[in-house]
N, C-alpha and C. Protein backbone atom coordinates (compact mmCIF):
# COMPACT_ATOMS: atom_id res chain seq x y z
N MET A 1 -23.98 -6.55 -76.00
CA MET A 1 -22.90 -6.52 -77.20
C MET A 1 -24.22 -5.76 -78.09
N MET A 2 -23.35 -5.18 -79.21
CA MET A 2 -24.63 -3.99 -80.31
C MET A 2 -23.15 -4.53 -81.80
N GLU A 3 -24.18 -4.42 -82.83
CA GLU A 3 -23.36 -4.97 -83.82
C GLU A 3 -24.31 -3.80 -84.55
N THR A 4 -23.15 -3.28 -85.58
CA THR A 4 -23.21 -2.16 -86.48
C THR A 4 -22.54 -2.34 -87.76
N SER A 5 -22.56 -0.99 -88.83
CA SER A 5 -22.26 -1.17 -89.92
C SER A 5 -21.50 0.00 -90.14
N LEU A 6 -20.27 -0.33 -90.72
CA LEU A 6 -19.53 0.99 -91.06
C LEU A 6 -19.69 1.26 -92.31
N ARG A 7 -19.75 1.96 -93.13
CA ARG A 7 -19.53 2.13 -94.56
C ARG A 7 -18.13 3.62 -94.92
N GLN A 8 -17.15 3.50 -95.27
CA GLN A 8 -16.28 4.59 -95.53
C GLN A 8 -16.33 4.55 -97.26
N LYS A 9 -15.70 5.92 -97.58
CA LYS A 9 -15.48 6.66 -99.16
C LYS A 9 -14.73 5.40 -99.79
N ASN A 10 -15.63 4.84 -101.05
CA ASN A 10 -15.59 4.30 -101.40
C ASN A 10 -14.69 2.63 -101.46
N MET A 11 -15.53 1.95 -100.16
CA MET A 11 -14.87 0.94 -99.28
C MET A 11 -16.52 0.25 -99.48
N ALA A 12 -16.70 -1.03 -99.11
CA ALA A 12 -17.75 -1.60 -98.76
C ALA A 12 -17.86 -1.70 -97.50
N LEU A 13 -19.40 -2.29 -97.58
CA LEU A 13 -19.40 -2.46 -95.84
C LEU A 13 -18.84 -3.02 -95.15
N LEU A 14 -18.54 -2.21 -93.57
CA LEU A 14 -18.25 -3.38 -92.71
C LEU A 14 -19.23 -3.98 -91.63
N LYS A 15 -19.19 -5.25 -91.29
CA LYS A 15 -19.72 -5.32 -90.02
C LYS A 15 -19.50 -5.35 -88.64
N LEU A 16 -19.11 -4.66 -87.81
CA LEU A 16 -18.41 -4.95 -87.00
C LEU A 16 -19.47 -5.29 -85.34
N LYS A 17 -19.11 -5.40 -84.29
CA LYS A 17 -19.62 -6.05 -83.15
C LYS A 17 -18.93 -5.65 -82.18
N TYR A 18 -19.46 -4.74 -81.83
CA TYR A 18 -18.84 -4.02 -80.33
C TYR A 18 -19.24 -4.58 -78.47
N ALA A 19 -18.88 -4.10 -77.85
CA ALA A 19 -18.89 -4.44 -76.24
C ALA A 19 -19.38 -3.46 -75.80
N ILE A 20 -20.34 -2.92 -74.86
CA ILE A 20 -20.12 -1.61 -73.67
C ILE A 20 -20.52 -2.04 -72.58
N TRP A 21 -19.41 -1.63 -71.30
CA TRP A 21 -19.68 -1.47 -70.49
C TRP A 21 -19.16 -0.88 -69.20
N LYS A 22 -19.96 -0.78 -68.10
CA LYS A 22 -19.73 0.27 -66.89
C LYS A 22 -18.68 -0.07 -66.35
N GLU A 23 -17.42 1.21 -66.75
CA GLU A 23 -16.60 1.04 -66.06
C GLU A 23 -15.85 2.05 -64.80
N GLY A 24 -16.44 2.19 -63.39
CA GLY A 24 -16.70 3.20 -62.40
C GLY A 24 -17.31 4.49 -63.24
N LYS A 25 -17.19 5.55 -63.49
CA LYS A 25 -18.67 6.66 -63.76
C LYS A 25 -18.64 6.30 -65.29
N HIS A 26 -17.57 5.97 -65.71
CA HIS A 26 -17.60 5.75 -67.78
C HIS A 26 -18.47 4.83 -68.14
N TYR A 27 -18.56 4.32 -69.53
CA TYR A 27 -19.03 3.26 -70.28
C TYR A 27 -18.00 3.62 -70.88
N VAL A 28 -17.36 2.24 -71.25
CA VAL A 28 -16.03 1.92 -72.21
C VAL A 28 -16.79 0.81 -73.42
N SER A 29 -16.40 1.24 -75.18
CA SER A 29 -17.46 0.54 -75.41
C SER A 29 -15.84 0.74 -76.32
N GLN A 30 -15.91 -0.84 -77.06
CA GLN A 30 -15.11 -1.56 -77.24
C GLN A 30 -15.23 -2.29 -79.11
N CYS A 31 -14.87 -2.09 -80.05
CA CYS A 31 -15.02 -2.92 -80.79
C CYS A 31 -14.39 -4.28 -81.00
N LEU A 32 -14.57 -4.64 -80.98
CA LEU A 32 -14.44 -6.61 -81.17
C LEU A 32 -13.26 -6.79 -82.24
N ASN A 33 -14.23 -6.60 -83.70
CA ASN A 33 -13.10 -7.19 -85.17
C ASN A 33 -11.66 -6.20 -84.94
N VAL A 34 -11.85 -4.99 -84.74
CA VAL A 34 -9.87 -4.69 -84.45
C VAL A 34 -9.92 -4.36 -82.88
N ASP A 35 -8.70 -3.39 -82.84
CA ASP A 35 -8.08 -2.93 -81.58
C ASP A 35 -8.80 -1.33 -81.47
N VAL A 36 -9.38 -1.33 -81.10
CA VAL A 36 -10.07 -0.08 -80.65
C VAL A 36 -11.35 0.39 -80.03
N SER A 37 -11.09 0.96 -79.18
CA SER A 37 -12.03 1.45 -78.01
C SER A 37 -12.27 2.82 -77.43
N SER A 38 -13.37 3.09 -76.89
CA SER A 38 -13.38 4.52 -76.25
C SER A 38 -14.40 4.47 -74.98
N PHE A 39 -14.96 5.92 -75.04
CA PHE A 39 -15.54 5.88 -73.69
C PHE A 39 -16.33 6.86 -73.31
N GLY A 40 -17.37 6.85 -72.76
CA GLY A 40 -18.23 8.50 -72.61
C GLY A 40 -19.06 8.62 -71.09
N LYS A 41 -19.42 9.38 -70.98
CA LYS A 41 -20.39 9.30 -69.83
C LYS A 41 -21.74 8.54 -69.83
N THR A 42 -22.43 8.22 -71.40
CA THR A 42 -23.36 7.46 -71.22
C THR A 42 -23.05 6.08 -72.29
N LYS A 43 -23.98 5.27 -72.29
CA LYS A 43 -23.58 4.18 -73.21
C LYS A 43 -23.91 4.97 -74.97
N LYS A 44 -24.56 5.84 -74.71
CA LYS A 44 -24.75 6.52 -76.28
C LYS A 44 -24.12 7.67 -76.48
N GLU A 45 -23.04 8.13 -75.92
CA GLU A 45 -21.92 8.87 -75.75
C GLU A 45 -21.37 7.80 -76.15
N ALA A 46 -20.54 6.54 -75.08
CA ALA A 46 -19.86 5.63 -75.32
C ALA A 46 -19.49 5.01 -77.18
N PHE A 47 -20.75 5.33 -77.28
CA PHE A 47 -21.27 4.31 -78.35
C PHE A 47 -20.94 5.42 -79.66
N LYS A 48 -21.06 6.44 -79.95
CA LYS A 48 -20.60 7.57 -80.63
C LYS A 48 -19.20 7.72 -81.01
N ASN A 49 -18.51 7.96 -79.48
CA ASN A 49 -17.72 7.99 -79.78
C ASN A 49 -16.29 7.09 -80.28
N LEU A 50 -16.98 5.69 -79.70
CA LEU A 50 -16.04 4.70 -80.63
C LEU A 50 -16.35 3.99 -82.33
N GLU A 51 -17.59 5.19 -82.55
CA GLU A 51 -17.83 4.95 -84.00
C GLU A 51 -17.25 6.29 -84.55
N GLU A 52 -16.66 7.22 -84.07
CA GLU A 52 -16.02 8.24 -84.43
C GLU A 52 -14.37 7.85 -84.68
N ALA A 53 -13.85 7.13 -83.20
CA ALA A 53 -12.66 6.88 -83.41
C ALA A 53 -12.72 5.14 -84.49
N LEU A 54 -13.33 4.55 -84.76
CA LEU A 54 -13.50 3.71 -85.94
C LEU A 54 -13.11 4.24 -87.40
N GLU A 55 -14.45 5.49 -87.86
CA GLU A 55 -13.49 6.15 -89.40
C GLU A 55 -13.03 7.22 -88.66
N LEU A 56 -12.04 7.45 -88.02
CA LEU A 56 -10.34 7.72 -88.24
C LEU A 56 -9.39 6.41 -88.23
N TYR A 57 -9.75 5.31 -87.49
CA TYR A 57 -9.23 4.16 -87.79
C TYR A 57 -8.86 3.59 -89.16
N PHE A 58 -10.18 3.69 -89.77
CA PHE A 58 -10.44 3.15 -91.08
C PHE A 58 -9.82 4.25 -92.42
N GLU A 59 -10.21 5.58 -91.54
CA GLU A 59 -9.30 6.61 -93.25
C GLU A 59 -8.97 6.20 -94.19
N ASP A 60 -7.50 5.45 -93.55
CA ASP A 60 -6.51 5.62 -94.49
C ASP A 60 -6.43 4.33 -94.57
N VAL A 61 -6.99 3.49 -94.58
CA VAL A 61 -6.70 1.83 -94.61
C VAL A 61 -7.04 1.74 -96.09
N LYS A 62 -6.59 1.05 -96.96
CA LYS A 62 -7.12 0.65 -98.24
C LYS A 62 -7.60 -1.00 -97.88
N SER A 63 -6.75 -1.59 -97.48
CA SER A 63 -7.49 -3.12 -97.13
C SER A 63 -7.54 -3.25 -96.19
N PRO A 64 -8.82 -3.49 -95.18
CA PRO A 64 -8.56 -2.97 -93.62
C PRO A 64 -8.47 -4.63 -93.10
N LYS A 65 -8.33 -5.08 -91.89
CA LYS A 65 -8.15 -6.21 -91.92
C LYS A 65 -9.06 -6.46 -90.37
N VAL A 66 -10.26 -6.73 -90.88
CA VAL A 66 -11.07 -7.02 -89.72
C VAL A 66 -11.48 -8.41 -89.36
N ILE A 67 -11.68 -8.79 -88.05
CA ILE A 67 -11.77 -10.82 -87.70
C ILE A 67 -12.97 -10.44 -87.76
N LYS A 68 -13.50 -11.74 -88.25
CA LYS A 68 -14.64 -11.54 -88.40
C LYS A 68 -15.41 -12.21 -87.05
N ILE A 69 -16.45 -12.04 -86.64
CA ILE A 69 -17.00 -12.59 -85.30
C ILE A 69 -18.13 -12.99 -85.36
N THR A 70 -18.13 -14.36 -84.98
CA THR A 70 -19.47 -14.56 -84.90
C THR A 70 -20.50 -15.20 -84.02
N GLN A 71 -19.64 -15.21 -82.70
CA GLN A 71 -20.15 -15.89 -81.95
C GLN A 71 -19.70 -15.21 -80.40
N VAL A 72 -19.92 -14.38 -80.15
CA VAL A 72 -19.14 -14.22 -78.66
C VAL A 72 -19.76 -14.78 -77.20
N GLN A 73 -19.96 -15.24 -76.54
CA GLN A 73 -19.49 -16.25 -74.71
C GLN A 73 -18.89 -14.68 -73.39
N ILE A 74 -19.46 -14.86 -72.52
CA ILE A 74 -18.84 -13.95 -71.96
C ILE A 74 -19.02 -15.36 -71.15
N VAL A 75 -17.85 -15.19 -70.63
CA VAL A 75 -17.18 -16.36 -69.41
C VAL A 75 -16.35 -15.22 -68.14
N SER A 76 -16.98 -16.30 -67.18
CA SER A 76 -15.74 -15.93 -66.04
C SER A 76 -14.74 -17.00 -65.64
N GLY A 77 -13.54 -16.19 -65.06
CA GLY A 77 -12.47 -17.10 -65.07
C GLY A 77 -11.78 -16.17 -63.68
N ALA A 78 -10.96 -17.29 -63.30
CA ALA A 78 -10.02 -16.57 -61.57
C ALA A 78 -8.79 -16.85 -61.82
N LEU A 79 -7.65 -15.91 -61.82
CA LEU A 79 -6.79 -15.45 -61.91
C LEU A 79 -5.87 -15.52 -60.14
N LYS A 80 -5.48 -16.62 -59.76
CA LYS A 80 -3.93 -16.05 -59.02
C LYS A 80 -3.10 -15.09 -59.30
N HIS A 81 -2.34 -14.53 -57.96
CA HIS A 81 -1.61 -13.54 -58.56
C HIS A 81 -0.61 -12.94 -57.63
N ALA A 82 0.90 -12.78 -57.51
CA ALA A 82 1.49 -12.34 -56.30
C ALA A 82 1.39 -10.89 -56.17
């Protein structure tokens, strides 16, 4: 998990947390504070693409609704399905 800050024009600094994982041939990057994700061939590319997606997401938002994430735990589970 990574944490970074995103500053928009005339906006406060947003502290955001990301998760990045490999899925097949690509890396998936997801912001845990808002429902935005992206991908890339490398972790670095996935991270860069997510930051660009977040900039576009927040571009026209005057009062962003960002969920505060203080502690992340990865847990495993099992689910039966038909």
